[in-house]
PDB file of N, CA and C in Angstrom:
ATOM      1  N   MET A   1     -33.739   1.366  23.683  1.00  0.00           N
ATOM      2  CA  MET A   1     -32.526   1.180  24.454  1.00  0.00           C
ATOM      3  C   MET A   1     -31.864  -0.135  24.049  1.00  0.00           C
ATOM      4  N   ALA A   2     -30.566  -0.113  23.903  1.00  0.00           N
ATOM      5  CA  ALA A   2     -29.823  -1.283  23.451  1.00  0.00           C
ATOM      6  C   ALA A   2     -29.704  -2.308  24.569  1.00  0.00           C
ATOM      7  N   THR A   3     -29.707  -3.569  24.176  1.00  0.00           N
ATOM      8  CA  THR A   3     -29.508  -4.639  25.153  1.00  0.00           C
ATOM      9  C   THR A   3     -28.024  -4.685  25.523  1.00  0.00           C
ATOM     10  N   PRO A   4     -27.696  -5.328  26.642  1.00  0.00           N
ATOM     11  CA  PRO A   4     -26.274  -5.431  27.007  1.00  0.00           C
ATOM     12  C   PRO A   4     -25.427  -6.077  25.903  1.00  0.00           C
ATOM     13  N   MET A   5     -25.993  -7.057  25.211  1.00  0.00           N
ATOM     14  CA  MET A   5     -25.241  -7.722  24.139  1.00  0.00           C
ATOM     15  C   MET A   5     -25.003  -6.761  22.975  1.00  0.00           C
ATOM     16  N   GLN A   6     -25.997  -5.953  22.638  1.00  0.00           N
ATOM     17  CA  GLN A   6     -25.837  -4.976  21.558  1.00  0.00           C
ATOM     18  C   GLN A   6     -24.814  -3.913  21.948  1.00  0.00           C
ATOM     19  N   SER A   7     -24.862  -3.486  23.196  1.00  0.00           N
ATOM     20  CA  SER A   7     -23.891  -2.495  23.673  1.00  0.00           C
ATOM     21  C   SER A   7     -22.481  -3.059  23.628  1.00  0.00           C
ATOM     22  N   ALA A   8     -22.341  -4.313  24.047  1.00  0.00           N
ATOM     23  CA  ALA A   8     -21.023  -4.949  24.024  1.00  0.00           C
ATOM     24  C   ALA A   8     -20.518  -5.072  22.593  1.00  0.00           C
ATOM     25  N   GLN A   9     -21.393  -5.459  21.675  1.00  0.00           N
ATOM     26  CA  GLN A   9     -20.991  -5.605  20.272  1.00  0.00           C
ATOM     27  C   GLN A   9     -20.588  -4.253  19.685  1.00  0.00           C
ATOM     28  N   ALA A  10     -21.336  -3.202  20.009  1.00  0.00           N
ATOM     29  CA  ALA A  10     -20.997  -1.864  19.513  1.00  0.00           C
ATOM     30  C   ALA A  10     -19.644  -1.422  20.066  1.00  0.00           C
ATOM     31  N   LEU A  11     -19.388  -1.723  21.330  1.00  0.00           N
ATOM     32  CA  LEU A  11     -18.104  -1.370  21.938  1.00  0.00           C
ATOM     33  C   LEU A  11     -16.960  -2.139  21.279  1.00  0.00           C
ATOM     34  N   ILE A  12     -17.180  -3.411  21.019  1.00  0.00           N
ATOM     35  CA  ILE A  12     -16.152  -4.224  20.349  1.00  0.00           C
ATOM     36  C   ILE A  12     -15.827  -3.636  18.974  1.00  0.00           C
ATOM     37  N   GLU A  13     -16.854  -3.250  18.242  1.00  0.00           N
ATOM     38  CA  GLU A  13     -16.630  -2.676  16.908  1.00  0.00           C
ATOM     39  C   GLU A  13     -15.850  -1.363  16.994  1.00  0.00           C
ATOM     40  N   LYS A  14     -16.171  -0.535  17.973  1.00  0.00           N
ATOM     41  CA  LYS A  14     -15.436   0.717  18.145  1.00  0.00           C
ATOM     42  C   LYS A  14     -13.972   0.448  18.480  1.00  0.00           C
ATOM     43  N   ILE A  15     -13.744  -0.510  19.363  1.00  0.00           N
ATOM     44  CA  ILE A  15     -12.364  -0.833  19.753  1.00  0.00           C
ATOM     45  C   ILE A  15     -11.589  -1.370  18.556  1.00  0.00           C
ATOM     46  N   GLN A  16     -12.222  -2.233  17.770  1.00  0.00           N
ATOM     47  CA  GLN A  16     -11.545  -2.811  16.607  1.00  0.00           C
ATOM     48  C   GLN A  16     -11.184  -1.754  15.568  1.00  0.00           C
ATOM     49  N   SER A  17     -11.877  -0.643  15.558  1.00  0.00           N
ATOM     50  CA  SER A  17     -11.582   0.397  14.569  1.00  0.00           C
ATOM     51  C   SER A  17     -10.421   1.297  15.009  1.00  0.00           C
ATOM     52  N   LEU A  18      -9.941   1.124  16.232  1.00  0.00           N
ATOM     53  CA  LEU A  18      -8.849   1.954  16.749  1.00  0.00           C
ATOM     54  C   LEU A  18      -7.491   1.459  16.269  1.00  0.00           C
ATOM     55  N   PRO A  19      -6.492   2.346  16.247  1.00  0.00           N
ATOM     56  CA  PRO A  19      -5.119   1.912  15.975  1.00  0.00           C
ATOM     57  C   PRO A  19      -4.625   1.006  17.117  1.00  0.00           C
ATOM     58  N   THR A  20      -3.629   0.216  16.826  1.00  0.00           N
ATOM     59  CA  THR A  20      -3.129  -0.775  17.780  1.00  0.00           C
ATOM     60  C   THR A  20      -2.716  -0.159  19.112  1.00  0.00           C
ATOM     61  N   ASP A  21      -2.030   0.979  19.081  1.00  0.00           N
ATOM     62  CA  ASP A  21      -1.584   1.584  20.337  1.00  0.00           C
ATOM     63  C   ASP A  21      -2.767   2.049  21.189  1.00  0.00           C
ATOM     64  N   ARG A  22      -3.839   2.474  20.553  1.00  0.00           N
ATOM     65  CA  ARG A  22      -5.040   2.893  21.296  1.00  0.00           C
ATOM     66  C   ARG A  22      -5.764   1.680  21.881  1.00  0.00           C
ATOM     67  N   ILE A  23      -5.723   0.563  21.188  1.00  0.00           N
ATOM     68  CA  ILE A  23      -6.328  -0.667  21.714  1.00  0.00           C
ATOM     69  C   ILE A  23      -5.618  -1.071  23.000  1.00  0.00           C
ATOM     70  N   ALA A  24      -4.305  -0.914  23.026  1.00  0.00           N
ATOM     71  CA  ALA A  24      -3.546  -1.223  24.241  1.00  0.00           C
ATOM     72  C   ALA A  24      -3.969  -0.303  25.386  1.00  0.00           C
ATOM     73  N   GLU A  25      -4.234   0.959  25.083  1.00  0.00           N
ATOM     74  CA  GLU A  25      -4.711   1.894  26.115  1.00  0.00           C
ATOM     75  C   GLU A  25      -6.074   1.471  26.651  1.00  0.00           C
ATOM     76  N   VAL A  26      -6.950   1.047  25.755  1.00  0.00           N
ATOM     77  CA  VAL A  26      -8.274   0.588  26.178  1.00  0.00           C
ATOM     78  C   VAL A  26      -8.131  -0.628  27.089  1.00  0.00           C
ATOM     79  N   GLU A  27      -7.251  -1.538  26.716  1.00  0.00           N
ATOM     80  CA  GLU A  27      -7.036  -2.732  27.537  1.00  0.00           C
ATOM     81  C   GLU A  27      -6.513  -2.356  28.921  1.00  0.00           C
ATOM     82  N   ASP A  28      -5.565  -1.433  28.973  1.00  0.00           N
ATOM     83  CA  ASP A  28      -5.049  -0.969  30.268  1.00  0.00           C
ATOM     84  C   ASP A  28      -6.156  -0.338  31.110  1.00  0.00           C
ATOM     85  N   PHE A  29      -7.007   0.440  30.467  1.00  0.00           N
ATOM     86  CA  PHE A  29      -8.090   1.100  31.194  1.00  0.00           C
ATOM     87  C   PHE A  29      -9.092   0.082  31.741  1.00  0.00           C
ATOM     88  N   VAL A  30      -9.402  -0.917  30.947  1.00  0.00           N
ATOM     89  CA  VAL A  30     -10.318  -1.968  31.408  1.00  0.00           C
ATOM     90  C   VAL A  30      -9.708  -2.705  32.598  1.00  0.00           C
ATOM     91  N   ASP A  31      -8.413  -3.010  32.527  1.00  0.00           N
ATOM     92  CA  ASP A  31      -7.736  -3.652  33.662  1.00  0.00           C
ATOM     93  C   ASP A  31      -7.809  -2.772  34.907  1.00  0.00           C
ATOM     94  N   PHE A  32      -7.617  -1.475  34.735  1.00  0.00           N
ATOM     95  CA  PHE A  32      -7.713  -0.533  35.854  1.00  0.00           C
ATOM     96  C   PHE A  32      -9.111  -0.556  36.469  1.00  0.00           C
ATOM     97  N   LEU A  33     -10.138  -0.520  35.635  1.00  0.00           N
ATOM     98  CA  LEU A  33     -11.512  -0.535  36.143  1.00  0.00           C
ATOM     99  C   LEU A  33     -11.812  -1.817  36.910  1.00  0.00           C
ATOM    100  N   ARG A  34     -11.338  -2.934  36.402  1.00  0.00           N
ATOM    101  CA  ARG A  34     -11.571  -4.211  37.089  1.00  0.00           C
ATOM    102  C   ARG A  34     -10.851  -4.248  38.430  1.00  0.00           C
ATOM    103  N   GLN A  35      -9.617  -3.749  38.465  1.00  0.00           N
ATOM    104  CA  GLN A  35      -8.861  -3.728  39.714  1.00  0.00           C
ATOM    105  C   GLN A  35      -9.535  -2.808  40.735  1.00  0.00           C
ATOM    106  N   ARG A  36      -9.993  -1.657  40.293  1.00  0.00           N
ATOM    107  CA  ARG A  36     -10.660  -0.714  41.192  1.00  0.00           C
ATOM    108  C   ARG A  36     -11.934  -1.332  41.772  1.00  0.00           C
ATOM    109  N   ALA A  37     -12.668  -2.065  40.959  1.00  0.00           N
ATOM    110  CA  ALA A  37     -13.888  -2.720  41.439  1.00  0.00           C
ATOM    111  C   ALA A  37     -13.551  -3.766  42.497  1.00  0.00           C
ATOM    112  N   ARG A  38     -12.466  -4.527  42.276  1.00  0.00           N
ATOM    113  CA  ARG A  38     -12.048  -5.529  43.277  1.00  0.00           C
ATOM    114  C   ARG A  38     -11.639  -4.853  44.574  1.00  0.00           C
ATOM    115  N   LEU A  39     -10.896  -3.759  44.483  1.00  0.00           N
ATOM    116  CA  LEU A  39     -10.453  -3.053  45.683  1.00  0.00           C
ATOM    117  C   LEU A  39     -11.634  -2.472  46.446  1.00  0.00           C
ATOM    118  N   GLN A  40     -12.610  -1.946  45.746  1.00  0.00           N
ATOM    119  CA  GLN A  40     -13.787  -1.386  46.414  1.00  0.00           C
ATOM    120  C   GLN A  40     -14.548  -2.472  47.161  1.00  0.00           C
ATOM    121  N   LYS A  41     -14.620  -3.666  46.588  1.00  0.00           N
ATOM    122  CA  LYS A  41     -15.288  -4.772  47.273  1.00  0.00           C
ATOM    123  C   LYS A  41     -14.540  -5.145  48.540  1.00  0.00           C
ATOM    124  N   SER A  42     -13.209  -5.207  48.466  1.00  0.00           N
ATOM    125  CA  SER A  42     -12.444  -5.594  49.651  1.00  0.00           C
ATOM    126  C   SER A  42     -12.504  -4.514  50.720  1.00  0.00           C
ATOM    127  N   VAL A  43     -12.519  -3.246  50.327  1.00  0.00           N
ATOM    128  CA  VAL A  43     -12.642  -2.159  51.307  1.00  0.00           C
ATOM    129  C   VAL A  43     -14.011  -2.217  51.963  1.00  0.00           C
ATOM    130  N   THR A  44     -15.032  -2.464  51.180  1.00  0.00           N
ATOM    131  CA  THR A  44     -16.383  -2.558  51.735  1.00  0.00           C
ATOM    132  C   THR A  44     -16.451  -3.687  52.746  1.00  0.00           C
ATOM    133  N   ARG A  45     -15.849  -4.820  52.428  1.00  0.00           N
ATOM    134  CA  ARG A  45     -15.845  -5.934  53.367  1.00  0.00           C
ATOM    135  C   ARG A  45     -15.123  -5.560  54.641  1.00  0.00           C
ATOM    136  N   LYS A  46     -14.005  -4.884  54.542  1.00  0.00           N
ATOM    137  CA  LYS A  46     -13.245  -4.515  55.728  1.00  0.00           C
ATOM    138  C   LYS A  46     -14.018  -3.533  56.595  1.00  0.00           C
ATOM    139  N   GLN A  47     -14.749  -2.626  55.996  1.00  0.00           N
ATOM    140  CA  GLN A  47     -15.502  -1.644  56.761  1.00  0.00           C
ATOM    141  C   GLN A  47     -16.676  -2.281  57.489  1.00  0.00           C
ATOM    142  N   SER A  48     -17.170  -3.388  56.983  1.00  0.00           N
ATOM    143  CA  SER A  48     -18.348  -3.983  57.584  1.00  0.00           C
ATOM    144  C   SER A  48     -18.012  -5.009  58.663  1.00  0.00           C
ATOM    145  N   LEU A  49     -16.740  -5.164  59.008  1.00  0.00           N
ATOM    146  CA  LEU A  49     -16.387  -6.105  60.061  1.00  0.00           C
ATOM    147  C   LEU A  49     -16.993  -5.660  61.380  1.00  0.00           C
ATOM    148  N   ASP A  50     -17.429  -6.630  62.150  1.00  0.00           N
ATOM    149  CA  ASP A  50     -18.043  -6.338  63.437  1.00  0.00           C
ATOM    150  C   ASP A  50     -17.203  -7.030  64.503  1.00  0.00           C
ATOM    151  N   PHE A  51     -16.456  -6.247  65.267  1.00  0.00           N
ATOM    152  CA  PHE A  51     -15.581  -6.816  66.271  1.00  0.00           C
ATOM    153  C   PHE A  51     -16.354  -7.075  67.560  1.00  0.00           C
ATOM    154  N   PRO A  52     -16.104  -8.209  68.204  1.00  0.00           N
ATOM    155  CA  PRO A  52     -16.798  -8.491  69.463  1.00  0.00           C
ATOM    156  C   PRO A  52     -16.298  -7.574  70.575  1.00  0.00           C
ATOM    157  N   VAL A  53     -17.167  -7.297  71.510  1.00  0.00           N
ATOM    158  CA  VAL A  53     -16.815  -6.487  72.669  1.00  0.00           C
ATOM    159  C   VAL A  53     -16.811  -7.411  73.873  1.00  0.00           C
ATOM    160  N   ASP A  54     -15.688  -7.463  74.568  1.00  0.00           N
ATOM    161  CA  ASP A  54     -15.593  -8.307  75.758  1.00  0.00           C
ATOM    162  C   ASP A  54     -16.188  -7.580  76.950  1.00  0.00           C
ATOM    163  N   ASP A  55     -17.055  -8.259  77.671  1.00  0.00           N
ATOM    164  CA  ASP A  55     -17.627  -7.695  78.889  1.00  0.00           C
ATOM    165  C   ASP A  55     -16.814  -8.226  80.059  1.00  0.00           C
ATOM    166  N   LEU A  56     -16.063  -7.357  80.676  1.00  0.00           N
ATOM    167  CA  LEU A  56     -15.203  -7.763  81.787  1.00  0.00           C
ATOM    168  C   LEU A  56     -15.860  -7.515  83.137  1.00  0.00           C
ATOM    169  N   GLY A  57     -17.120  -7.205  83.128  1.00  0.00           N
ATOM    170  CA  GLY A  57     -17.841  -6.998  84.369  1.00  0.00           C
ATOM    171  C   GLY A  57     -17.738  -5.568  84.844  1.00  0.00           C
ATOM    172  N   PRO A  58     -18.270  -5.311  86.031  1.00  0.00           N
ATOM    173  CA  PRO A  58     -18.252  -3.947  86.562  1.00  0.00           C
ATOM    174  C   PRO A  58     -16.848  -3.530  86.985  1.00  0.00           C
ATOM    175  N   TRP A  59     -16.602  -2.232  87.002  1.00  0.00           N
ATOM    176  CA  TRP A  59     -15.321  -1.711  87.456  1.00  0.00           C
ATOM    177  C   TRP A  59     -15.228  -1.866  88.971  1.00  0.00           C
ATOM    178  N   PRO A  60     -14.033  -2.020  89.474  1.00  0.00           N
ATOM    179  CA  PRO A  60     -13.883  -2.182  90.927  1.00  0.00           C
ATOM    180  C   PRO A  60     -14.392  -0.955  91.684  1.00  0.00           C
ATOM    181  N   ASP A  61     -14.945  -1.209  92.881  1.00  0.00           N
ATOM    182  CA  ASP A  61     -15.395  -0.102  93.734  1.00  0.00           C
ATOM    183  C   ASP A  61     -14.205   0.761  94.102  1.00  0.00           C
ATOM    184  N   GLY A  62     -14.399   2.047  94.094  1.00  0.00           N
ATOM    185  CA  GLY A  62     -13.352   2.973  94.492  1.00  0.00           C
ATOM    186  C   GLY A  62     -12.322   3.263  93.412  1.00  0.00           C
ATOM    187  N   LEU A  63     -12.493   2.739  92.210  1.00  0.00           N
ATOM    188  CA  LEU A  63     -11.543   3.000  91.127  1.00  0.00           C
ATOM    189  C   LEU A  63     -11.635   4.466  90.717  1.00  0.00           C
ATOM    190  N   SER A  64     -10.512   5.128  90.688  1.00  0.00           N
ATOM    191  CA  SER A  64     -10.473   6.530  90.288  1.00  0.00           C
ATOM    192  C   SER A  64      -9.673   6.656  89.002  1.00  0.00           C
ATOM    193  N   LEU A  65     -10.210   7.388  88.074  1.00  0.00           N
ATOM    194  CA  LEU A  65      -9.517   7.616  86.808  1.00  0.00           C
ATOM    195  C   LEU A  65      -8.911   9.010  86.738  1.00  0.00           C
ATOM    196  N   HIS A  66      -8.798   9.668  87.865  1.00  0.00           N
ATOM    197  CA  HIS A  66      -8.143  10.977  87.907  1.00  0.00           C
ATOM    198  C   HIS A  66      -6.653  10.789  87.671  1.00  0.00           C
ATOM    199  N   ARG A  67      -6.060  11.665  86.898  1.00  0.00           N
ATOM    200  CA  ARG A  67      -4.639  11.564  86.575  1.00  0.00           C
ATOM    201  C   ARG A  67      -3.780  11.480  87.826  1.00  0.00           C
ATOM    202  N   GLU A  68      -4.069  12.313  88.794  1.00  0.00           N
ATOM    203  CA  GLU A  68      -3.262  12.343  90.018  1.00  0.00           C
ATOM    204  C   GLU A  68      -3.323  11.005  90.751  1.00  0.00           C
ATOM    205  N   ASP A  69      -4.482  10.379  90.736  1.00  0.00           N
ATOM    206  CA  ASP A  69      -4.631   9.089  91.406  1.00  0.00           C
ATOM    207  C   ASP A  69      -3.911   7.985  90.642  1.00  0.00           C
ATOM    208  N   MET A  70      -3.836   8.110  89.345  1.00  0.00           N
ATOM    209  CA  MET A  70      -3.200   7.069  88.536  1.00  0.00           C
ATOM    210  C   MET A  70      -1.686   7.237  88.469  1.00  0.00           C
ATOM    211  N   TYR A  71      -1.181   8.482  88.366  1.00  0.00           N
ATOM    212  CA  TYR A  71       0.236   8.716  88.116  1.00  0.00           C
ATOM    213  C   TYR A  71       0.921   9.539  89.195  1.00  0.00           C
ATOM    214  N   GLY A  72       0.188  10.062  90.117  1.00  0.00           N
ATOM    215  CA  GLY A  72       0.785  10.940  91.112  1.00  0.00           C
ATOM    216  C   GLY A  72       0.816  12.365  90.589  1.00  0.00           C
ATOM    217  N   ASN A  73       1.252  13.281  91.416  1.00  0.00           N
ATOM    218  CA  ASN A  73       1.247  14.689  91.026  1.00  0.00           C
ATOM    219  C   ASN A  73       2.658  15.266  91.057  1.00  0.00           C
ATOM    220  N   GLY A  74       3.683  14.418  91.095  1.00  0.00           N
ATOM    221  CA  GLY A  74       5.051  14.879  91.247  1.00  0.00           C
ATOM    222  C   GLY A  74       5.608  15.635  90.061  1.00  0.00           C
ATOM    223  N   GLU A  75       5.209  15.329  88.847  1.00  0.00           N
ATOM    224  CA  GLU A  75       5.788  15.932  87.640  1.00  0.00           C
ATOM    225  C   GLU A  75       5.128  17.248  87.267  1.00  0.00           C
ATOM    226  N   ARG A  76       4.004  17.562  87.821  1.00  0.00           N
ATOM    227  CA  ARG A  76       3.274  18.771  87.408  1.00  0.00           C
ATOM    228  C   ARG A  76       3.626  19.942  88.199  1.00  0.00           C
TER     229      ARG A  76
END
């Protein structure tokens, strides 16, 4: 198995053998891969955020969450 340095050297040689317009395509593709890797890191960071939960204590006695109790029954 080739070492990373040997693989890099082989890739450089392959790129150098390409026509100029193809080298530009390779460069664009490498830029795309690097950008995608950066975006994946930032998305991963955003997904791992842990938001604090505020404890406001117990709910008041007698609190009803029934729609009729909150808004009335006039519109239905």
